[in-house]
Amino acid sequence: MKTIQTLLAVASLSLLAACGGQGDDAAGDAVADQADAQADMIDQQADVADAAGDEATAESLEAQADATRAAGEAQEEAIDAADVVVDPAAPPQ
């Protein structure tokens, strides 16, 4: 779980650095998509565990997948919030 969160954090920071304030949501969407893909893999592992009759492991993996998706969405929102288009003509705040 911590490995996944670390990977998501690194990916989001690198995408945040690359986005450059263009006002688009591509960087945030990429982080959320990556988290969703990882969560899908975890869900597949949960399905295998459930098919093998290991309900406790399946439930744990499903919770981990949900947490991975939530972390990806939170990072997407943080990236999108940080990606602000700056109007050079606007007065400083």
PDB file of N, CA and C in Angstrom:
ATOM      1  N   MET A   1       0.831  -1.183   0.000  1.00  0.00           N
ATOM      2  CA  MET A   1       0.000   0.000   0.000  1.00  0.00           C
ATOM      3  C   MET A   1       0.878   1.249   0.000  1.00  0.00           C
ATOM      4  N   LYS A   2       1.895   1.278   0.861  1.00  0.00           N
ATOM      5  CA  LYS A   2       2.766   2.439   0.924  1.00  0.00           C
ATOM      6  C   LYS A   2       3.560   2.583  -0.374  1.00  0.00           C
ATOM      7  N   THR A   3       3.908   1.461  -0.987  1.00  0.00           N
ATOM      8  CA  THR A   3       4.627   1.516  -2.257  1.00  0.00           C
ATOM      9  C   THR A   3       3.769   2.166  -3.323  1.00  0.00           C
ATOM     10  N   ILE A   4       2.509   1.800  -3.366  1.00  0.00           N
ATOM     11  CA  ILE A   4       1.595   2.369  -4.361  1.00  0.00           C
ATOM     12  C   ILE A   4       1.439   3.861  -4.117  1.00  0.00           C
ATOM     13  N   GLN A   5       1.268   4.264  -2.864  1.00  0.00           N
ATOM     14  CA  GLN A   5       1.115   5.681  -2.566  1.00  0.00           C
ATOM     15  C   GLN A   5       2.379   6.455  -2.912  1.00  0.00           C
ATOM     16  N   THR A   6       3.532   5.858  -2.662  1.00  0.00           N
ATOM     17  CA  THR A   6       4.789   6.514  -2.996  1.00  0.00           C
ATOM     18  C   THR A   6       4.910   6.691  -4.505  1.00  0.00           C
ATOM     19  N   LEU A   7       4.566   5.643  -5.248  1.00  0.00           N
ATOM     20  CA  LEU A   7       4.627   5.736  -6.711  1.00  0.00           C
ATOM     21  C   LEU A   7       3.664   6.799  -7.238  1.00  0.00           C
ATOM     22  N   LEU A   8       2.478   6.847  -6.659  1.00  0.00           N
ATOM     23  CA  LEU A   8       1.505   7.848  -7.089  1.00  0.00           C
ATOM     24  C   LEU A   8       1.993   9.255  -6.766  1.00  0.00           C
ATOM     25  N   ALA A   9       2.612   9.418  -5.600  1.00  0.00           N
ATOM     26  CA  ALA A   9       3.121  10.733  -5.219  1.00  0.00           C
ATOM     27  C   ALA A   9       4.233  11.184  -6.161  1.00  0.00           C
ATOM     28  N   VAL A  10       5.145  10.285  -6.470  1.00  0.00           N
ATOM     29  CA  VAL A  10       6.239  10.619  -7.387  1.00  0.00           C
ATOM     30  C   VAL A  10       5.692  10.960  -8.761  1.00  0.00           C
ATOM     31  N   ALA A  11       4.762  10.160  -9.231  1.00  0.00           N
ATOM     32  CA  ALA A  11       4.172  10.417 -10.554  1.00  0.00           C
ATOM     33  C   ALA A  11       3.439  11.753 -10.574  1.00  0.00           C
ATOM     34  N   SER A  12       2.706  12.047  -9.517  1.00  0.00           N
ATOM     35  CA  SER A  12       1.955  13.300  -9.499  1.00  0.00           C
ATOM     36  C   SER A  12       2.875  14.505  -9.433  1.00  0.00           C
ATOM     37  N   LEU A  13       3.946  14.406  -8.659  1.00  0.00           N
ATOM     38  CA  LEU A  13       4.875  15.521  -8.572  1.00  0.00           C
ATOM     39  C   LEU A  13       5.591  15.756  -9.899  1.00  0.00           C
ATOM     40  N   SER A  14       5.970  14.678 -10.570  1.00  0.00           N
ATOM     41  CA  SER A  14       6.642  14.857 -11.858  1.00  0.00           C
ATOM     42  C   SER A  14       5.681  15.420 -12.896  1.00  0.00           C
ATOM     43  N   LEU A  15       4.441  14.990 -12.856  1.00  0.00           N
ATOM     44  CA  LEU A  15       3.460  15.541 -13.786  1.00  0.00           C
ATOM     45  C   LEU A  15       3.121  16.983 -13.437  1.00  0.00           C
ATOM     46  N   LEU A  16       3.087  17.292 -12.150  1.00  0.00           N
ATOM     47  CA  LEU A  16       2.813  18.659 -11.719  1.00  0.00           C
ATOM     48  C   LEU A  16       3.920  19.590 -12.198  1.00  0.00           C
ATOM     49  N   ALA A  17       5.148  19.148 -12.095  1.00  0.00           N
ATOM     50  CA  ALA A  17       6.269  19.964 -12.543  1.00  0.00           C
ATOM     51  C   ALA A  17       6.214  20.175 -14.061  1.00  0.00           C
ATOM     52  N   ALA A  18       5.705  19.207 -14.771  1.00  0.00           N
ATOM     53  CA  ALA A  18       5.664  19.292 -16.229  1.00  0.00           C
ATOM     54  C   ALA A  18       4.465  20.083 -16.752  1.00  0.00           C
ATOM     55  N   CYS A  19       3.453  20.287 -15.924  1.00  0.00           N
ATOM     56  CA  CYS A  19       2.224  20.887 -16.446  1.00  0.00           C
ATOM     57  C   CYS A  19       2.370  22.365 -16.737  1.00  0.00           C
ATOM     58  N   GLY A  20       3.174  23.088 -15.971  1.00  0.00           N
ATOM     59  CA  GLY A  20       3.516  24.459 -16.309  1.00  0.00           C
ATOM     60  C   GLY A  20       2.382  25.468 -16.305  1.00  0.00           C
ATOM     61  N   GLY A  21       1.302  25.227 -15.600  1.00  0.00           N
ATOM     62  CA  GLY A  21       0.253  26.216 -15.468  1.00  0.00           C
ATOM     63  C   GLY A  21      -0.514  26.499 -16.737  1.00  0.00           C
ATOM     64  N   GLN A  22      -0.780  25.508 -17.510  1.00  0.00           N
ATOM     65  CA  GLN A  22      -1.467  25.718 -18.777  1.00  0.00           C
ATOM     66  C   GLN A  22      -2.978  25.745 -18.637  1.00  0.00           C
ATOM     67  N   GLY A  23      -3.491  25.464 -17.466  1.00  0.00           N
ATOM     68  CA  GLY A  23      -4.929  25.522 -17.264  1.00  0.00           C
ATOM     69  C   GLY A  23      -5.677  24.311 -17.781  1.00  0.00           C
ATOM     70  N   ASP A  24      -4.986  23.290 -18.262  1.00  0.00           N
ATOM     71  CA  ASP A  24      -5.683  22.080 -18.691  1.00  0.00           C
ATOM     72  C   ASP A  24      -5.574  21.034 -17.582  1.00  0.00           C
ATOM     73  N   ASP A  25      -6.353  20.011 -17.705  1.00  0.00           N
ATOM     74  CA  ASP A  25      -6.413  18.996 -16.656  1.00  0.00           C
ATOM     75  C   ASP A  25      -5.697  17.712 -17.049  1.00  0.00           C
ATOM     76  N   ALA A  26      -4.887  17.740 -18.074  1.00  0.00           N
ATOM     77  CA  ALA A  26      -4.258  16.521 -18.576  1.00  0.00           C
ATOM     78  C   ALA A  26      -3.354  15.865 -17.546  1.00  0.00           C
ATOM     79  N   ALA A  27      -2.569  16.644 -16.820  1.00  0.00           N
ATOM     80  CA  ALA A  27      -1.643  16.067 -15.838  1.00  0.00           C
ATOM     81  C   ALA A  27      -2.414  15.375 -14.714  1.00  0.00           C
ATOM     82  N   GLY A  28      -3.424  16.036 -14.205  1.00  0.00           N
ATOM     83  CA  GLY A  28      -4.231  15.441 -13.146  1.00  0.00           C
ATOM     84  C   GLY A  28      -4.972  14.204 -13.618  1.00  0.00           C
ATOM     85  N   ASP A  29      -5.486  14.278 -14.833  1.00  0.00           N
ATOM     86  CA  ASP A  29      -6.188  13.120 -15.393  1.00  0.00           C
ATOM     87  C   ASP A  29      -5.257  11.926 -15.545  1.00  0.00           C
ATOM     88  N   ALA A  30      -4.010  12.187 -15.934  1.00  0.00           N
ATOM     89  CA  ALA A  30      -3.045  11.095 -16.105  1.00  0.00           C
ATOM     90  C   ALA A  30      -2.758  10.401 -14.774  1.00  0.00           C
ATOM     91  N   VAL A  31      -2.651  11.180 -13.700  1.00  0.00           N
ATOM     92  CA  VAL A  31      -2.404  10.590 -12.380  1.00  0.00           C
ATOM     93  C   VAL A  31      -3.603   9.752 -11.954  1.00  0.00           C
ATOM     94  N   ALA A  32      -4.800  10.278 -12.141  1.00  0.00           N
ATOM     95  CA  ALA A  32      -6.003   9.538 -11.771  1.00  0.00           C
ATOM     96  C   ALA A  32      -6.144   8.269 -12.606  1.00  0.00           C
ATOM     97  N   ASP A  33      -5.820   8.356 -13.892  1.00  0.00           N
ATOM     98  CA  ASP A  33      -5.894   7.180 -14.759  1.00  0.00           C
ATOM     99  C   ASP A  33      -4.898   6.111 -14.324  1.00  0.00           C
ATOM    100  N   GLN A  34      -3.698   6.549 -13.941  1.00  0.00           N
ATOM    101  CA  GLN A  34      -2.687   5.602 -13.477  1.00  0.00           C
ATOM    102  C   GLN A  34      -3.135   4.921 -12.179  1.00  0.00           C
ATOM    103  N   ALA A  35      -3.686   5.687 -11.276  1.00  0.00           N
ATOM    104  CA  ALA A  35      -4.172   5.122 -10.016  1.00  0.00           C
ATOM    105  C   ALA A  35      -5.313   4.145 -10.281  1.00  0.00           C
ATOM    106  N   ASP A  36      -6.180   4.500 -11.219  1.00  0.00           N
ATOM    107  CA  ASP A  36      -7.301   3.625 -11.544  1.00  0.00           C
ATOM    108  C   ASP A  36      -6.818   2.315 -12.152  1.00  0.00           C
ATOM    109  N   ALA A  37      -5.788   2.389 -12.993  1.00  0.00           N
ATOM    110  CA  ALA A  37      -5.229   1.168 -13.589  1.00  0.00           C
ATOM    111  C   ALA A  37      -4.609   0.276 -12.517  1.00  0.00           C
ATOM    112  N   GLN A  38      -3.921   0.885 -11.561  1.00  0.00           N
ATOM    113  CA  GLN A  38      -3.343   0.103 -10.469  1.00  0.00           C
ATOM    114  C   GLN A  38      -4.449  -0.517  -9.617  1.00  0.00           C
ATOM    115  N   ALA A  39      -5.501   0.250  -9.376  1.00  0.00           N
ATOM    116  CA  ALA A  39      -6.621  -0.268  -8.596  1.00  0.00           C
ATOM    117  C   ALA A  39      -7.311  -1.421  -9.328  1.00  0.00           C
ATOM    118  N   ASP A  40      -7.394  -1.328 -10.641  1.00  0.00           N
ATOM    119  CA  ASP A  40      -7.979  -2.426 -11.419  1.00  0.00           C
ATOM    120  C   ASP A  40      -7.167  -3.711 -11.254  1.00  0.00           C
ATOM    121  N   MET A  41      -5.837  -3.583 -11.239  1.00  0.00           N
ATOM    122  CA  MET A  41      -4.990  -4.768 -11.033  1.00  0.00           C
ATOM    123  C   MET A  41      -5.210  -5.357  -9.629  1.00  0.00           C
ATOM    124  N   ILE A  42      -5.348  -4.486  -8.653  1.00  0.00           N
ATOM    125  CA  ILE A  42      -5.591  -4.957  -7.288  1.00  0.00           C
ATOM    126  C   ILE A  42      -6.953  -5.642  -7.214  1.00  0.00           C
ATOM    127  N   ASP A  43      -7.955  -5.079  -7.909  1.00  0.00           N
ATOM    128  CA  ASP A  43      -9.275  -5.712  -7.953  1.00  0.00           C
ATOM    129  C   ASP A  43      -9.208  -7.108  -8.583  1.00  0.00           C
ATOM    130  N   GLN A  44      -8.373  -7.263  -9.598  1.00  0.00           N
ATOM    131  CA  GLN A  44      -8.209  -8.580 -10.217  1.00  0.00           C
ATOM    132  C   GLN A  44      -7.613  -9.569  -9.217  1.00  0.00           C
ATOM    133  N   GLN A  45      -6.645  -9.115  -8.428  1.00  0.00           N
ATOM    134  CA  GLN A  45      -6.072  -9.969  -7.391  1.00  0.00           C
ATOM    135  C   GLN A  45      -7.129 -10.340  -6.358  1.00  0.00           C
ATOM    136  N   ALA A  46      -8.009  -9.390  -6.044  1.00  0.00           N
ATOM    137  CA  ALA A  46      -9.095  -9.662  -5.100  1.00  0.00           C
ATOM    138  C   ALA A  46     -10.041 -10.705  -5.655  1.00  0.00           C
ATOM    139  N   ASP A  47     -10.319 -10.633  -6.953  1.00  0.00           N
ATOM    140  CA  ASP A  47     -11.191 -11.627  -7.583  1.00  0.00           C
ATOM    141  C   ASP A  47     -10.580 -13.024  -7.505  1.00  0.00           C
ATOM    142  N   VAL A  48      -9.258 -13.096  -7.708  1.00  0.00           N
ATOM    143  CA  VAL A  48      -8.567 -14.386  -7.623  1.00  0.00           C
ATOM    144  C   VAL A  48      -8.643 -14.927  -6.200  1.00  0.00           C
ATOM    145  N   ALA A  49      -8.412 -14.058  -5.227  1.00  0.00           N
ATOM    146  CA  ALA A  49      -8.478 -14.480  -3.825  1.00  0.00           C
ATOM    147  C   ALA A  49      -9.889 -14.922  -3.464  1.00  0.00           C
ATOM    148  N   ASP A  50     -10.881 -14.203  -3.956  1.00  0.00           N
ATOM    149  CA  ASP A  50     -12.274 -14.565  -3.669  1.00  0.00           C
ATOM    150  C   ASP A  50     -12.626 -15.909  -4.299  1.00  0.00           C
ATOM    151  N   ALA A  51     -12.165 -16.134  -5.528  1.00  0.00           N
ATOM    152  CA  ALA A  51     -12.427 -17.405  -6.202  1.00  0.00           C
ATOM    153  C   ALA A  51     -11.755 -18.569  -5.477  1.00  0.00           C
ATOM    154  N   ALA A  52     -10.624 -18.265  -4.818  1.00  0.00           N
ATOM    155  CA  ALA A  52      -9.921 -19.305  -4.064  1.00  0.00           C
ATOM    156  C   ALA A  52     -10.532 -19.512  -2.685  1.00  0.00           C
ATOM    157  N   GLY A  53     -11.541 -18.722  -2.351  1.00  0.00           N
ATOM    158  CA  GLY A  53     -12.209 -18.876  -1.070  1.00  0.00           C
ATOM    159  C   GLY A  53     -11.580 -18.081   0.063  1.00  0.00           C
ATOM    160  N   ASP A  54     -10.673 -17.217  -0.241  1.00  0.00           N
ATOM    161  CA  ASP A  54     -10.006 -16.406   0.788  1.00  0.00           C
ATOM    162  C   ASP A  54     -10.684 -15.034   0.851  1.00  0.00           C
ATOM    163  N   GLU A  55     -11.820 -15.006   1.544  1.00  0.00           N
ATOM    164  CA  GLU A  55     -12.623 -13.787   1.590  1.00  0.00           C
ATOM    165  C   GLU A  55     -11.921 -12.651   2.316  1.00  0.00           C
ATOM    166  N   ALA A  56     -11.173 -12.960   3.363  1.00  0.00           N
ATOM    167  CA  ALA A  56     -10.489 -11.915   4.129  1.00  0.00           C
ATOM    168  C   ALA A  56      -9.470 -11.178   3.252  1.00  0.00           C
ATOM    169  N   THR A  57      -8.710 -11.937   2.490  1.00  0.00           N
ATOM    170  CA  THR A  57      -7.727 -11.319   1.599  1.00  0.00           C
ATOM    171  C   THR A  57      -8.434 -10.530   0.503  1.00  0.00           C
ATOM    172  N   ALA A  58      -9.515 -11.087  -0.023  1.00  0.00           N
ATOM    173  CA  ALA A  58     -10.261 -10.403  -1.072  1.00  0.00           C
ATOM    174  C   ALA A  58     -10.799  -9.062  -0.575  1.00  0.00           C
ATOM    175  N   GLU A  59     -11.348  -9.038   0.622  1.00  0.00           N
ATOM    176  CA  GLU A  59     -11.870  -7.797   1.175  1.00  0.00           C
ATOM    177  C   GLU A  59     -10.752  -6.786   1.421  1.00  0.00           C
ATOM    178  N   SER A  60      -9.631  -7.275   1.900  1.00  0.00           N
ATOM    179  CA  SER A  60      -8.482  -6.393   2.131  1.00  0.00           C
ATOM    180  C   SER A  60      -7.992  -5.785   0.825  1.00  0.00           C
ATOM    181  N   LEU A  61      -7.903  -6.597  -0.209  1.00  0.00           N
ATOM    182  CA  LEU A  61      -7.466  -6.105  -1.507  1.00  0.00           C
ATOM    183  C   LEU A  61      -8.466  -5.118  -2.104  1.00  0.00           C
ATOM    184  N   GLU A  62      -9.751  -5.380  -1.910  1.00  0.00           N
ATOM    185  CA  GLU A  62     -10.770  -4.449  -2.414  1.00  0.00           C
ATOM    186  C   GLU A  62     -10.665  -3.102  -1.706  1.00  0.00           C
ATOM    187  N   ALA A  63     -10.403  -3.129  -0.400  1.00  0.00           N
ATOM    188  CA  ALA A  63     -10.220  -1.886   0.350  1.00  0.00           C
ATOM    189  C   ALA A  63      -8.977  -1.144  -0.141  1.00  0.00           C
ATOM    190  N   GLN A  64      -7.931  -1.891  -0.450  1.00  0.00           N
ATOM    191  CA  GLN A  64      -6.702  -1.287  -0.962  1.00  0.00           C
ATOM    192  C   GLN A  64      -6.956  -0.651  -2.331  1.00  0.00           C
ATOM    193  N   ALA A  65      -7.734  -1.318  -3.160  1.00  0.00           N
ATOM    194  CA  ALA A  65      -8.068  -0.761  -4.472  1.00  0.00           C
ATOM    195  C   ALA A  65      -8.867   0.530  -4.322  1.00  0.00           C
ATOM    196  N   ASP A  66      -9.822   0.524  -3.399  1.00  0.00           N
ATOM    197  CA  ASP A  66     -10.609   1.735  -3.157  1.00  0.00           C
ATOM    198  C   ASP A  66      -9.720   2.878  -2.672  1.00  0.00           C
ATOM    199  N   ALA A  67      -8.786   2.570  -1.781  1.00  0.00           N
ATOM    200  CA  ALA A  67      -7.871   3.594  -1.262  1.00  0.00           C
ATOM    201  C   ALA A  67      -6.959   4.124  -2.366  1.00  0.00           C
ATOM    202  N   THR A  68      -6.545   3.247  -3.263  1.00  0.00           N
ATOM    203  CA  THR A  68      -5.688   3.663  -4.373  1.00  0.00           C
ATOM    204  C   THR A  68      -6.440   4.619  -5.293  1.00  0.00           C
ATOM    205  N   ARG A  69      -7.699   4.295  -5.583  1.00  0.00           N
ATOM    206  CA  ARG A  69      -8.507   5.184  -6.429  1.00  0.00           C
ATOM    207  C   ARG A  69      -8.721   6.534  -5.744  1.00  0.00           C
ATOM    208  N   ALA A  70      -9.026   6.501  -4.453  1.00  0.00           N
ATOM    209  CA  ALA A  70      -9.258   7.747  -3.713  1.00  0.00           C
ATOM    210  C   ALA A  70      -7.997   8.610  -3.679  1.00  0.00           C
ATOM    211  N   ALA A  71      -6.846   7.978  -3.491  1.00  0.00           N
ATOM    212  CA  ALA A  71      -5.585   8.724  -3.477  1.00  0.00           C
ATOM    213  C   ALA A  71      -5.322   9.345  -4.844  1.00  0.00           C
ATOM    214  N   GLY A  72      -5.605   8.605  -5.900  1.00  0.00           N
ATOM    215  CA  GLY A  72      -5.425   9.134  -7.248  1.00  0.00           C
ATOM    216  C   GLY A  72      -6.334  10.316  -7.525  1.00  0.00           C
ATOM    217  N   GLU A  73      -7.569  10.227  -7.067  1.00  0.00           N
ATOM    218  CA  GLU A  73      -8.512  11.332  -7.261  1.00  0.00           C
ATOM    219  C   GLU A  73      -8.088  12.560  -6.460  1.00  0.00           C
ATOM    220  N   ALA A  74      -7.598  12.336  -5.242  1.00  0.00           N
ATOM    221  CA  ALA A  74      -7.136  13.454  -4.415  1.00  0.00           C
ATOM    222  C   ALA A  74      -5.931  14.139  -5.054  1.00  0.00           C
ATOM    223  N   GLN A  75      -5.032  13.333  -5.593  1.00  0.00           N
ATOM    224  CA  GLN A  75      -3.863  13.911  -6.255  1.00  0.00           C
ATOM    225  C   GLN A  75      -4.267  14.640  -7.532  1.00  0.00           C
ATOM    226  N   GLU A  76      -5.239  14.088  -8.232  1.00  0.00           N
ATOM    227  CA  GLU A  76      -5.732  14.764  -9.439  1.00  0.00           C
ATOM    228  C   GLU A  76      -6.281  16.141  -9.078  1.00  0.00           C
ATOM    229  N   GLU A  77      -7.068  16.212  -8.022  1.00  0.00           N
ATOM    230  CA  GLU A  77      -7.639  17.484  -7.598  1.00  0.00           C
ATOM    231  C   GLU A  77      -6.546  18.463  -7.171  1.00  0.00           C
ATOM    232  N   ALA A  78      -5.523  17.966  -6.470  1.00  0.00           N
ATOM    233  CA  ALA A  78      -4.426  18.835  -6.038  1.00  0.00           C
ATOM    234  C   ALA A  78      -3.650  19.372  -7.238  1.00  0.00           C
ATOM    235  N   ILE A  79      -3.416  18.520  -8.214  1.00  0.00           N
ATOM    236  CA  ILE A  79      -2.702  18.953  -9.417  1.00  0.00           C
ATOM    237  C   ILE A  79      -3.533  19.971 -10.180  1.00  0.00           C
ATOM    238  N   ASP A  80      -4.817  19.693 -10.332  1.00  0.00           N
ATOM    239  CA  ASP A  80      -5.684  20.619 -11.051  1.00  0.00           C
ATOM    240  C   ASP A  80      -5.773  21.961 -10.320  1.00  0.00           C
ATOM    241  N   ALA A  81      -5.806  21.938  -9.002  1.00  0.00           N
ATOM    242  CA  ALA A  81      -5.876  23.178  -8.226  1.00  0.00           C
ATOM    243  C   ALA A  81      -4.582  23.977  -8.356  1.00  0.00           C
ATOM    244  N   ALA A  82      -3.465  23.285  -8.469  1.00  0.00           N
ATOM    245  CA  ALA A  82      -2.171  23.961  -8.586  1.00  0.00           C
ATOM    246  C   ALA A  82      -1.915  24.456 -10.005  1.00  0.00           C
ATOM    247  N   ASP A  83      -2.631  23.928 -10.958  1.00  0.00           N
ATOM    248  CA  ASP A  83      -2.433  24.275 -12.366  1.00  0.00           C
ATOM    249  C   ASP A  83      -3.340  25.450 -12.714  1.00  0.00           C
ATOM    250  N   VAL A  84      -2.926  26.632 -12.310  1.00  0.00           N
ATOM    251  CA  VAL A  84      -3.732  27.832 -12.491  1.00  0.00           C
ATOM    252  C   VAL A  84      -3.140  28.666 -13.614  1.00  0.00           C
ATOM    253  N   VAL A  85      -3.999  29.146 -14.466  1.00  0.00           N
ATOM    254  CA  VAL A  85      -3.548  30.036 -15.537  1.00  0.00           C
ATOM    255  C   VAL A  85      -3.371  31.422 -14.924  1.00  0.00           C
ATOM    256  N   VAL A  86      -2.187  31.965 -15.062  1.00  0.00           N
ATOM    257  CA  VAL A  86      -1.890  33.269 -14.494  1.00  0.00           C
ATOM    258  C   VAL A  86      -2.037  34.317 -15.589  1.00  0.00           C
ATOM    259  N   ASP A  87      -2.845  35.309 -15.305  1.00  0.00           N
ATOM    260  CA  ASP A  87      -3.025  36.435 -16.232  1.00  0.00           C
ATOM    261  C   ASP A  87      -2.002  37.500 -15.871  1.00  0.00           C
ATOM    262  N   PRO A  88      -1.024  37.773 -16.744  1.00  0.00           N
ATOM    263  CA  PRO A  88       0.003  38.741 -16.409  1.00  0.00           C
ATOM    264  C   PRO A  88      -0.561  40.152 -16.229  1.00  0.00           C
ATOM    265  N   ALA A  89      -1.731  40.448 -16.766  1.00  0.00           N
ATOM    266  CA  ALA A  89      -2.326  41.764 -16.640  1.00  0.00           C
ATOM    267  C   ALA A  89      -3.097  41.929 -15.329  1.00  0.00           C
ATOM    268  N   ALA A  90      -3.344  40.837 -14.642  1.00  0.00           N
ATOM    269  CA  ALA A  90      -4.111  40.890 -13.397  1.00  0.00           C
ATOM    270  C   ALA A  90      -3.254  41.501 -12.296  1.00  0.00           C
ATOM    271  N   PRO A  91      -3.869  42.300 -11.424  1.00  0.00           N
ATOM    272  CA  PRO A  91      -3.108  42.891 -10.314  1.00  0.00           C
ATOM    273  C   PRO A  91      -2.716  41.809  -9.303  1.00  0.00           C
ATOM    274  N   PRO A  92      -1.583  41.968  -8.643  1.00  0.00           N
ATOM    275  CA  PRO A  92      -1.181  40.979  -7.636  1.00  0.00           C
ATOM    276  C   PRO A  92      -2.154  40.953  -6.473  1.00  0.00           C
ATOM    277  N   GLN A  93      -2.290  39.811  -5.876  1.00  0.00           N
ATOM    278  CA  GLN A  93      -3.223  39.659  -4.757  1.00  0.00           C
ATOM    279  C   GLN A  93      -2.511  39.579  -3.456  1.00  0.00           C
TER     280      GLN A  93
END
